[in-house]
Amino acid sequence: MLTRGGSYILTKLAKVCYNRRMPSNMKTINISITPDQAQFVDKTTKAYGFANRSEFLRAVLRFVHKTNPQLLKQVSDAPFAPAVAKPVLTLDEIKKSSKQL
């Protein structure tokens, strides 16, 4: 089945090639991102013809690692929501709260 100038066939071919060359030592990781970040990844993945989110993110990581590793120092200035630290309770605070129950 051809769609949009053969993109369906190219996507299927890319998946076959990817599965044949994917090293068995590849690791799977899970990340949590904001809805805005997910939308950005999805739009960029589609706009540049990546097969999926993983391919896009691997390409970004390879690019930064090979061309400008110092760019990682600027990550804190990225236009996404900053990480929110959760308060850590001390042992005494935990004991007090359990006594109140």
N, C-alpha and C. Protein backbone atom coordinates (compact mmCIF):
# COMPACT_ATOMS: atom_id res chain seq x y z
N MET A 1 0.84 -1.19 0.00
CA MET A 1 0.00 0.00 0.00
C MET A 1 0.88 1.24 0.00
N LEU A 2 0.70 2.11 -0.95
CA LEU A 2 1.44 3.36 -1.03
C LEU A 2 0.62 4.50 -0.45
N THR A 3 1.25 5.30 0.35
CA THR A 3 0.60 6.50 0.86
C THR A 3 1.61 7.63 0.82
N ARG A 4 1.14 8.80 0.54
CA ARG A 4 1.97 10.01 0.51
C ARG A 4 3.31 9.78 -0.17
N GLY A 5 3.25 9.41 -1.43
CA GLY A 5 4.48 9.28 -2.21
C GLY A 5 5.34 8.11 -1.80
N GLY A 6 4.75 7.06 -1.28
CA GLY A 6 5.51 5.87 -0.94
C GLY A 6 6.07 5.86 0.47
N SER A 7 5.64 6.78 1.33
CA SER A 7 6.20 6.83 2.68
C SER A 7 5.88 5.57 3.48
N TYR A 8 4.75 4.94 3.21
CA TYR A 8 4.40 3.72 3.93
C TYR A 8 5.43 2.63 3.63
N ILE A 9 5.77 2.46 2.35
CA ILE A 9 6.76 1.46 1.98
C ILE A 9 8.11 1.79 2.58
N LEU A 10 8.50 3.05 2.55
CA LEU A 10 9.78 3.44 3.13
C LEU A 10 9.79 3.20 4.63
N THR A 11 8.69 3.45 5.31
CA THR A 11 8.62 3.20 6.75
C THR A 11 8.79 1.72 7.03
N LYS A 12 8.09 0.88 6.28
CA LYS A 12 8.22 -0.57 6.45
C LYS A 12 9.65 -1.02 6.18
N LEU A 13 10.26 -0.50 5.11
CA LEU A 13 11.64 -0.84 4.78
C LEU A 13 12.58 -0.40 5.90
N ALA A 14 12.37 0.79 6.42
CA ALA A 14 13.21 1.29 7.50
C ALA A 14 13.12 0.39 8.72
N LYS A 15 11.92 -0.09 9.02
CA LYS A 15 11.76 -0.98 10.17
C LYS A 15 12.49 -2.30 9.96
N VAL A 16 12.42 -2.83 8.75
CA VAL A 16 13.13 -4.08 8.45
C VAL A 16 14.63 -3.88 8.60
N CYS A 17 15.14 -2.81 8.01
CA CYS A 17 16.57 -2.52 8.10
C CYS A 17 16.99 -2.27 9.54
N TYR A 18 16.17 -1.55 10.27
CA TYR A 18 16.47 -1.24 11.67
C TYR A 18 16.55 -2.52 12.48
N ASN A 19 15.57 -3.41 12.31
CA ASN A 19 15.55 -4.64 13.08
C ASN A 19 16.71 -5.57 12.73
N ARG A 20 17.18 -5.51 11.50
CA ARG A 20 18.31 -6.35 11.09
C ARG A 20 19.63 -5.84 11.63
N ARG A 21 19.75 -4.53 11.81
CA ARG A 21 21.03 -3.99 12.24
C ARG A 21 21.05 -3.57 13.71
N MET A 22 19.94 -3.68 14.39
CA MET A 22 19.90 -3.26 15.79
C MET A 22 20.75 -4.21 16.64
N PRO A 23 21.78 -3.68 17.29
CA PRO A 23 22.63 -4.54 18.11
C PRO A 23 21.83 -5.17 19.25
N SER A 24 22.19 -6.38 19.59
CA SER A 24 21.47 -7.07 20.66
C SER A 24 21.76 -6.47 22.03
N ASN A 25 22.77 -5.62 22.11
CA ASN A 25 23.10 -5.01 23.39
C ASN A 25 22.43 -3.64 23.59
N MET A 26 21.47 -3.31 22.74
CA MET A 26 20.74 -2.04 22.91
C MET A 26 19.96 -2.10 24.22
N LYS A 27 19.93 -1.01 24.92
CA LYS A 27 19.21 -0.91 26.19
C LYS A 27 17.94 -0.12 25.98
N THR A 28 16.92 -0.48 26.71
CA THR A 28 15.67 0.25 26.69
C THR A 28 15.60 1.10 27.95
N ILE A 29 15.27 2.37 27.77
CA ILE A 29 15.07 3.25 28.92
C ILE A 29 13.71 3.91 28.77
N ASN A 30 13.15 4.32 29.88
CA ASN A 30 11.89 5.04 29.88
C ASN A 30 12.15 6.43 30.44
N ILE A 31 11.54 7.43 29.82
CA ILE A 31 11.67 8.79 30.32
C ILE A 31 10.28 9.39 30.47
N SER A 32 10.15 10.30 31.38
CA SER A 32 8.90 11.05 31.55
C SER A 32 9.13 12.45 31.01
N ILE A 33 8.25 12.88 30.13
CA ILE A 33 8.37 14.21 29.55
C ILE A 33 7.01 14.90 29.62
N THR A 34 7.04 16.21 29.50
CA THR A 34 5.80 16.98 29.55
C THR A 34 5.02 16.79 28.25
N PRO A 35 3.74 17.12 28.25
CA PRO A 35 2.96 17.05 27.01
C PRO A 35 3.56 17.93 25.90
N ASP A 36 4.08 19.11 26.25
CA ASP A 36 4.71 19.98 25.26
C ASP A 36 5.95 19.32 24.66
N GLN A 37 6.74 18.66 25.48
CA GLN A 37 7.93 17.98 24.99
C GLN A 37 7.54 16.83 24.07
N ALA A 38 6.52 16.07 24.45
CA ALA A 38 6.05 14.95 23.62
C ALA A 38 5.55 15.46 22.28
N GLN A 39 4.83 16.57 22.29
CA GLN A 39 4.33 17.15 21.05
C GLN A 39 5.49 17.59 20.16
N PHE A 40 6.51 18.20 20.76
CA PHE A 40 7.69 18.62 20.00
C PHE A 40 8.39 17.41 19.38
N VAL A 41 8.58 16.35 20.17
CA VAL A 41 9.24 15.14 19.66
C VAL A 41 8.42 14.55 18.52
N ASP A 42 7.11 14.45 18.69
CA ASP A 42 6.26 13.87 17.66
C ASP A 42 6.28 14.68 16.36
N LYS A 43 6.16 16.00 16.49
CA LYS A 43 6.17 16.86 15.30
C LYS A 43 7.51 16.80 14.58
N THR A 44 8.59 16.83 15.34
CA THR A 44 9.92 16.81 14.75
C THR A 44 10.21 15.46 14.12
N THR A 45 9.79 14.39 14.79
CA THR A 45 9.97 13.05 14.25
C THR A 45 9.30 12.92 12.90
N LYS A 46 8.08 13.40 12.81
CA LYS A 46 7.33 13.33 11.56
C LYS A 46 7.92 14.26 10.50
N ALA A 47 8.25 15.49 10.90
CA ALA A 47 8.74 16.49 9.95
C ALA A 47 10.05 16.07 9.27
N TYR A 48 10.91 15.37 10.00
CA TYR A 48 12.19 14.98 9.45
C TYR A 48 12.23 13.52 9.00
N GLY A 49 11.09 12.85 9.04
CA GLY A 49 10.99 11.51 8.47
C GLY A 49 11.62 10.40 9.28
N PHE A 50 11.77 10.59 10.57
CA PHE A 50 12.28 9.50 11.39
C PHE A 50 11.20 8.43 11.51
N ALA A 51 11.61 7.18 11.64
CA ALA A 51 10.66 6.07 11.71
C ALA A 51 9.83 6.12 12.99
N ASN A 52 10.43 6.62 14.07
CA ASN A 52 9.72 6.67 15.35
C ASN A 52 10.46 7.60 16.31
N ARG A 53 9.90 7.75 17.49
CA ARG A 53 10.50 8.64 18.50
C ARG A 53 11.92 8.20 18.88
N SER A 54 12.09 6.89 19.03
CA SER A 54 13.40 6.38 19.44
C SER A 54 14.48 6.73 18.43
N GLU A 55 14.18 6.57 17.14
CA GLU A 55 15.15 6.91 16.11
C GLU A 55 15.51 8.39 16.18
N PHE A 56 14.50 9.23 16.37
CA PHE A 56 14.76 10.68 16.47
C PHE A 56 15.65 10.99 17.67
N LEU A 57 15.31 10.45 18.84
CA LEU A 57 16.08 10.75 20.04
C LEU A 57 17.50 10.20 19.96
N ARG A 58 17.68 9.02 19.38
CA ARG A 58 19.03 8.49 19.19
C ARG A 58 19.84 9.41 18.26
N ALA A 59 19.21 9.90 17.21
CA ALA A 59 19.91 10.81 16.29
C ALA A 59 20.33 12.09 17.00
N VAL A 60 19.46 12.63 17.83
CA VAL A 60 19.80 13.84 18.59
C VAL A 60 20.97 13.57 19.52
N LEU A 61 20.91 12.44 20.23
CA LEU A 61 22.00 12.10 21.15
C LEU A 61 23.33 11.91 20.41
N ARG A 62 23.29 11.21 19.27
CA ARG A 62 24.52 11.03 18.48
C ARG A 62 25.07 12.37 18.01
N PHE A 63 24.18 13.24 17.53
CA PHE A 63 24.60 14.54 17.02
C PHE A 63 25.27 15.37 18.11
N VAL A 64 24.63 15.47 19.26
CA VAL A 64 25.20 16.26 20.35
C VAL A 64 26.51 15.65 20.82
N HIS A 65 26.53 14.35 20.96
CA HIS A 65 27.74 13.67 21.44
C HIS A 65 28.92 13.87 20.49
N LYS A 66 28.67 13.79 19.18
CA LYS A 66 29.76 13.88 18.19
C LYS A 66 30.15 15.31 17.84
N THR A 67 29.18 16.22 17.83
CA THR A 67 29.49 17.56 17.33
C THR A 67 29.72 18.61 18.40
N ASN A 68 29.01 18.50 19.52
CA ASN A 68 29.13 19.56 20.52
C ASN A 68 28.75 19.06 21.91
N PRO A 69 29.60 18.24 22.53
CA PRO A 69 29.27 17.73 23.86
C PRO A 69 29.10 18.84 24.90
N GLN A 70 29.72 20.00 24.65
CA GLN A 70 29.60 21.12 25.60
C GLN A 70 28.18 21.67 25.64
N LEU A 71 27.40 21.36 24.62
CA LEU A 71 26.02 21.81 24.58
C LEU A 71 25.23 21.31 25.78
N LEU A 72 25.62 20.16 26.31
CA LEU A 72 24.92 19.59 27.46
C LEU A 72 24.98 20.50 28.68
N LYS A 73 25.98 21.34 28.76
CA LYS A 73 26.08 22.28 29.88
C LYS A 73 24.96 23.32 29.83
N GLN A 74 24.37 23.51 28.66
CA GLN A 74 23.31 24.50 28.50
C GLN A 74 21.92 23.90 28.70
N VAL A 75 21.84 22.64 29.04
CA VAL A 75 20.54 21.96 29.16
C VAL A 75 19.63 22.66 30.17
N SER A 76 20.20 23.20 31.22
CA SER A 76 19.36 23.84 32.23
C SER A 76 18.64 25.07 31.68
N ASP A 77 19.11 25.60 30.55
CA ASP A 77 18.47 26.76 29.94
C ASP A 77 17.43 26.37 28.89
N ALA A 78 17.16 25.07 28.75
CA ALA A 78 16.21 24.61 27.74
C ALA A 78 14.82 25.17 28.02
N PRO A 79 14.02 25.37 26.98
CA PRO A 79 12.70 26.01 27.15
C PRO A 79 11.61 25.06 27.62
N PHE A 80 11.97 24.08 28.43
CA PHE A 80 10.98 23.15 28.95
C PHE A 80 10.84 23.34 30.44
N ALA A 81 9.83 22.73 30.99
CA ALA A 81 9.58 22.84 32.43
C ALA A 81 10.75 22.26 33.20
N PRO A 82 11.22 22.99 34.22
CA PRO A 82 12.33 22.48 35.01
C PRO A 82 11.88 21.32 35.90
N ALA A 83 12.83 20.52 36.29
CA ALA A 83 12.52 19.41 37.19
C ALA A 83 12.07 19.98 38.53
N VAL A 84 11.12 19.32 39.14
CA VAL A 84 10.61 19.75 40.43
C VAL A 84 11.09 18.77 41.49
N ALA A 85 11.82 19.30 42.46
CA ALA A 85 12.33 18.45 43.53
C ALA A 85 11.22 18.16 44.53
N LYS A 86 11.14 16.89 44.93
CA LYS A 86 10.16 16.51 45.94
C LYS A 86 10.81 16.66 47.30
N PRO A 87 10.06 17.16 48.29
CA PRO A 87 10.65 17.30 49.62
C PRO A 87 10.97 15.93 50.22
N VAL A 88 12.06 15.88 50.92
CA VAL A 88 12.48 14.64 51.57
C VAL A 88 12.21 14.79 53.06
N LEU A 89 11.53 13.81 53.61
CA LEU A 89 11.22 13.84 55.04
C LEU A 89 12.36 13.20 55.82
N THR A 90 12.61 13.76 57.00
CA THR A 90 13.60 13.15 57.88
C THR A 90 12.94 11.99 58.61
N LEU A 91 13.73 11.16 59.24
CA LEU A 91 13.19 10.01 59.98
C LEU A 91 12.28 10.49 61.11
N ASP A 92 12.66 11.57 61.79
CA ASP A 92 11.83 12.12 62.87
C ASP A 92 10.47 12.59 62.33
N GLU A 93 10.46 13.23 61.16
CA GLU A 93 9.20 13.69 60.57
C GLU A 93 8.30 12.52 60.19
N ILE A 94 8.90 11.45 59.73
CA ILE A 94 8.12 10.26 59.39
C ILE A 94 7.52 9.65 60.64
N LYS A 95 8.31 9.57 61.68
CA LYS A 95 7.83 8.99 62.96
C LYS A 95 6.67 9.83 63.51
N LYS A 96 6.81 11.16 63.47
CA LYS A 96 5.76 12.06 63.97
C LYS A 96 4.47 11.89 63.17
N SER A 97 4.59 11.81 61.84
CA SER A 97 3.40 11.68 61.03
C SER A 97 2.72 10.34 61.23
N SER A 98 3.48 9.29 61.51
CA SER A 98 2.87 7.97 61.74
C SER A 98 2.16 7.92 63.07
N LYS A 99 2.64 8.67 64.05
CA LYS A 99 1.99 8.71 65.36
C LYS A 99 0.66 9.44 65.29
N GLN A 100 0.55 10.38 64.37
CA GLN A 100 -0.68 11.16 64.22
C GLN A 100 -1.79 10.34 63.59
N LEU A 101 -1.46 9.26 62.94
CA LEU A 101 -2.47 8.40 62.32
C LEU A 101 -3.07 7.57 63.35
